[in-house]
N, C-alpha and C. Protein backbone atom coordinates (compact mmCIF):
# COMPACT_ATOMS: atom_id res chain seq x y z
N MET A 1 120.14 167.86 78.18
CA MET A 1 118.86 168.45 77.84
C MET A 1 117.87 167.32 77.56
N ILE A 2 116.65 167.55 77.93
CA ILE A 2 115.59 166.58 77.73
C ILE A 2 115.10 166.70 76.30
N PRO A 3 115.10 165.57 75.54
CA PRO A 3 114.61 165.66 74.17
C PRO A 3 113.13 166.00 74.13
N LEU A 4 112.76 166.95 73.29
CA LEU A 4 111.36 167.37 73.20
C LEU A 4 110.55 166.46 72.30
N LEU A 5 111.16 165.94 71.28
CA LEU A 5 110.42 165.08 70.36
C LEU A 5 111.11 163.74 70.27
N THR A 6 110.33 162.71 70.39
CA THR A 6 110.85 161.37 70.21
C THR A 6 110.12 160.75 69.04
N LYS A 7 110.79 159.86 68.34
CA LYS A 7 110.14 159.22 67.19
C LYS A 7 109.03 158.32 67.69
N GLN A 8 107.84 158.59 67.25
CA GLN A 8 106.66 157.84 67.68
C GLN A 8 106.19 156.95 66.54
N PRO A 9 105.73 155.74 66.85
CA PRO A 9 105.13 154.92 65.81
C PRO A 9 103.87 155.61 65.28
N SER A 10 103.57 155.38 64.01
CA SER A 10 102.44 156.05 63.39
C SER A 10 101.10 155.63 64.01
N ALA A 11 101.07 154.50 64.73
CA ALA A 11 99.83 154.03 65.34
C ALA A 11 99.45 154.85 66.57
N VAL A 12 100.36 155.68 67.07
CA VAL A 12 100.08 156.49 68.25
C VAL A 12 99.22 157.67 67.82
N SER A 13 98.18 157.93 68.58
CA SER A 13 97.26 159.00 68.22
C SER A 13 97.91 160.37 68.38
N PRO A 14 97.46 161.35 67.59
CA PRO A 14 97.99 162.70 67.72
C PRO A 14 97.78 163.27 69.13
N THR A 15 96.68 162.92 69.78
CA THR A 15 96.43 163.38 71.14
C THR A 15 97.48 162.85 72.09
N SER A 16 97.83 161.59 71.94
CA SER A 16 98.86 160.98 72.78
C SER A 16 100.22 161.63 72.52
N GLN A 17 100.51 161.93 71.27
CA GLN A 17 101.77 162.58 70.94
C GLN A 17 101.83 163.98 71.55
N LEU A 18 100.73 164.73 71.49
CA LEU A 18 100.69 166.06 72.09
C LEU A 18 100.88 165.97 73.60
N ARG A 19 100.25 165.00 74.22
CA ARG A 19 100.38 164.83 75.67
C ARG A 19 101.84 164.54 76.03
N THR A 20 102.50 163.68 75.26
CA THR A 20 103.89 163.35 75.51
C THR A 20 104.78 164.58 75.39
N VAL A 21 104.58 165.36 74.34
CA VAL A 21 105.37 166.57 74.14
C VAL A 21 105.13 167.56 75.27
N ALA A 22 103.89 167.73 75.68
CA ALA A 22 103.56 168.65 76.77
C ALA A 22 104.24 168.21 78.07
N ASN A 23 104.23 166.92 78.36
CA ASN A 23 104.89 166.40 79.55
C ASN A 23 106.39 166.62 79.50
N GLU A 24 106.99 166.40 78.33
CA GLU A 24 108.43 166.60 78.18
C GLU A 24 108.80 168.08 78.35
N MET A 25 107.94 168.95 77.87
CA MET A 25 108.21 170.39 78.03
C MET A 25 108.12 170.80 79.50
N GLU A 26 107.14 170.28 80.22
CA GLU A 26 107.05 170.59 81.66
C GLU A 26 108.26 170.03 82.40
N ALA A 27 108.69 168.82 82.04
CA ALA A 27 109.86 168.22 82.69
C ALA A 27 111.11 169.07 82.44
N ALA A 28 111.27 169.58 81.23
CA ALA A 28 112.42 170.43 80.92
C ALA A 28 112.38 171.71 81.76
N PHE A 29 111.20 172.30 81.88
CA PHE A 29 111.04 173.50 82.69
C PHE A 29 111.39 173.21 84.15
N LEU A 30 110.85 172.13 84.69
CA LEU A 30 111.10 171.80 86.09
C LEU A 30 112.57 171.49 86.34
N ALA A 31 113.23 170.83 85.39
CA ALA A 31 114.66 170.54 85.54
C ALA A 31 115.46 171.83 85.64
N GLU A 32 115.11 172.82 84.82
CA GLU A 32 115.80 174.11 84.89
C GLU A 32 115.52 174.81 86.21
N MET A 33 114.29 174.73 86.68
CA MET A 33 113.95 175.36 87.96
C MET A 33 114.70 174.69 89.11
N LEU A 34 114.82 173.36 89.07
CA LEU A 34 115.59 172.66 90.09
C LEU A 34 117.05 173.09 90.06
N LYS A 35 117.58 173.27 88.87
CA LYS A 35 118.98 173.68 88.73
C LYS A 35 119.21 175.05 89.35
N TYR A 36 118.37 176.00 89.03
CA TYR A 36 118.58 177.37 89.49
C TYR A 36 118.14 177.59 90.94
N SER A 37 117.27 176.73 91.45
CA SER A 37 116.84 176.89 92.83
C SER A 37 117.88 176.37 93.81
N GLY A 38 118.70 175.44 93.34
CA GLY A 38 119.70 174.85 94.22
C GLY A 38 119.15 173.73 95.08
N LEU A 39 117.84 173.45 94.97
CA LEU A 39 117.27 172.35 95.73
C LEU A 39 117.88 171.04 95.24
N GLY A 40 118.28 170.22 96.17
CA GLY A 40 118.86 168.94 95.79
C GLY A 40 120.20 169.08 95.11
N ASP A 41 120.92 170.15 95.46
CA ASP A 41 122.24 170.35 94.86
C ASP A 41 123.12 169.15 95.18
N THR A 42 123.62 168.51 94.15
CA THR A 42 124.36 167.26 94.33
C THR A 42 125.82 167.40 93.94
N SER A 43 126.33 168.63 93.94
CA SER A 43 127.71 168.81 93.52
C SER A 43 128.67 168.03 94.42
N ASP A 44 128.37 167.90 95.71
CA ASP A 44 129.23 167.13 96.61
C ASP A 44 129.13 165.64 96.33
N ALA A 45 127.95 165.18 95.94
CA ALA A 45 127.74 163.75 95.71
C ALA A 45 128.49 163.26 94.48
N PHE A 46 128.59 164.09 93.44
CA PHE A 46 129.23 163.66 92.20
C PHE A 46 130.62 164.24 92.02
N GLY A 47 131.08 165.03 92.93
CA GLY A 47 132.40 165.63 92.83
C GLY A 47 132.34 166.96 92.11
N ALA A 48 133.40 167.69 92.23
CA ALA A 48 133.47 169.02 91.61
C ALA A 48 133.83 168.89 90.14
N GLY A 49 133.60 169.95 89.41
CA GLY A 49 134.01 169.99 88.02
C GLY A 49 132.88 169.69 87.06
N ALA A 50 133.25 169.69 85.79
CA ALA A 50 132.26 169.50 84.72
C ALA A 50 131.60 168.13 84.80
N GLY A 51 132.36 167.11 85.14
CA GLY A 51 131.80 165.76 85.22
C GLY A 51 130.72 165.65 86.28
N GLY A 52 130.98 166.24 87.44
CA GLY A 52 130.01 166.21 88.52
C GLY A 52 128.74 166.94 88.14
N GLU A 53 128.88 168.10 87.51
CA GLU A 53 127.71 168.88 87.09
C GLU A 53 126.92 168.13 86.02
N HIS A 54 127.63 167.44 85.12
CA HIS A 54 126.96 166.68 84.06
C HIS A 54 126.10 165.57 84.66
N PHE A 55 126.65 164.81 85.59
CA PHE A 55 125.87 163.74 86.21
C PHE A 55 124.76 164.29 87.08
N ALA A 56 124.98 165.44 87.72
CA ALA A 56 123.93 166.07 88.51
C ALA A 56 122.76 166.48 87.62
N SER A 57 123.06 166.87 86.37
CA SER A 57 121.98 167.25 85.45
C SER A 57 121.11 166.04 85.11
N PHE A 58 121.71 164.86 84.99
CA PHE A 58 120.93 163.65 84.74
C PHE A 58 119.96 163.40 85.89
N LEU A 59 120.44 163.59 87.11
CA LEU A 59 119.60 163.39 88.29
C LEU A 59 118.45 164.40 88.30
N ARG A 60 118.74 165.68 88.03
CA ARG A 60 117.69 166.70 87.99
C ARG A 60 116.64 166.38 86.94
N GLU A 61 117.08 165.93 85.77
CA GLU A 61 116.13 165.60 84.70
C GLU A 61 115.22 164.44 85.11
N GLU A 62 115.78 163.45 85.77
CA GLU A 62 114.97 162.32 86.21
C GLU A 62 114.02 162.74 87.33
N GLN A 63 114.49 163.59 88.24
CA GLN A 63 113.61 164.11 89.28
C GLN A 63 112.45 164.88 88.66
N ALA A 64 112.74 165.67 87.63
CA ALA A 64 111.69 166.45 86.96
C ALA A 64 110.68 165.52 86.29
N ARG A 65 111.15 164.46 85.64
CA ARG A 65 110.24 163.50 85.00
C ARG A 65 109.31 162.86 86.04
N ILE A 66 109.88 162.51 87.17
CA ILE A 66 109.09 161.89 88.23
C ILE A 66 108.06 162.88 88.76
N MET A 67 108.45 164.14 88.88
CA MET A 67 107.49 165.16 89.32
C MET A 67 106.32 165.27 88.35
N VAL A 68 106.61 165.25 87.04
CA VAL A 68 105.55 165.33 86.03
C VAL A 68 104.65 164.10 86.10
N GLU A 69 105.24 162.92 86.26
CA GLU A 69 104.44 161.69 86.38
C GLU A 69 103.53 161.74 87.60
N GLY A 70 103.95 162.46 88.63
CA GLY A 70 103.16 162.59 89.84
C GLY A 70 102.13 163.71 89.79
N GLY A 71 102.02 164.35 88.66
CA GLY A 71 101.04 165.42 88.51
C GLY A 71 101.65 166.77 88.19
N GLY A 72 102.92 166.93 88.47
CA GLY A 72 103.61 168.16 88.13
C GLY A 72 102.98 169.40 88.74
N ILE A 73 103.13 170.51 88.04
CA ILE A 73 102.59 171.78 88.51
C ILE A 73 101.45 172.26 87.63
N GLY A 74 101.01 171.42 86.70
CA GLY A 74 99.90 171.78 85.83
C GLY A 74 100.31 172.44 84.53
N LEU A 75 101.59 172.65 84.35
CA LEU A 75 102.06 173.31 83.14
C LEU A 75 101.81 172.46 81.90
N SER A 76 102.00 171.15 82.02
CA SER A 76 101.81 170.29 80.84
C SER A 76 100.36 170.33 80.35
N GLU A 77 99.41 170.45 81.27
CA GLU A 77 98.01 170.53 80.86
C GLU A 77 97.75 171.81 80.07
N SER A 78 98.32 172.91 80.51
CA SER A 78 98.18 174.19 79.78
C SER A 78 98.82 174.09 78.40
N ILE A 79 99.99 173.49 78.34
CA ILE A 79 100.68 173.32 77.06
C ILE A 79 99.87 172.41 76.15
N PHE A 80 99.35 171.32 76.70
CA PHE A 80 98.54 170.38 75.91
C PHE A 80 97.33 171.07 75.31
N ARG A 81 96.61 171.85 76.13
CA ARG A 81 95.43 172.55 75.62
C ARG A 81 95.80 173.55 74.53
N ALA A 82 96.90 174.27 74.72
CA ALA A 82 97.33 175.25 73.72
C ALA A 82 97.70 174.55 72.40
N LEU A 83 98.40 173.42 72.49
CA LEU A 83 98.77 172.69 71.28
C LEU A 83 97.54 172.06 70.62
N SER A 84 96.58 171.61 71.42
CA SER A 84 95.38 170.97 70.89
C SER A 84 94.52 171.96 70.11
N GLU A 85 94.54 173.22 70.50
CA GLU A 85 93.71 174.23 69.86
C GLU A 85 94.28 174.71 68.52
N ARG A 86 95.54 174.42 68.27
CA ARG A 86 96.16 174.85 67.02
C ARG A 86 95.68 173.99 65.87
N PRO A 87 95.48 174.58 64.71
CA PRO A 87 95.08 173.78 63.54
C PRO A 87 96.21 172.83 63.13
N HIS A 88 95.82 171.65 62.75
CA HIS A 88 96.80 170.63 62.32
C HIS A 88 96.85 170.58 60.80
N ASP A 89 98.05 170.35 60.28
CA ASP A 89 98.22 170.25 58.81
C ASP A 89 97.77 168.90 58.30
């Protein structure tokens, strides 16, 4: 699973933190969509069984991160705006 929150130094702006979280959430969504769509199914590449599926999940997560870095599907922008509109404590 892709971690949603990472420990950020206090010097990082709240806007930057929200953007990071939004990108991580889109990447998690895309990784799940890749898994269920069967696109890029790598079960043959890593072998059968739990080990093969585990390593295939690492590949899907990295593919999803790369998709988000390339612009993604726009989900992270929607998430970012929704989080930005919430009152902060």
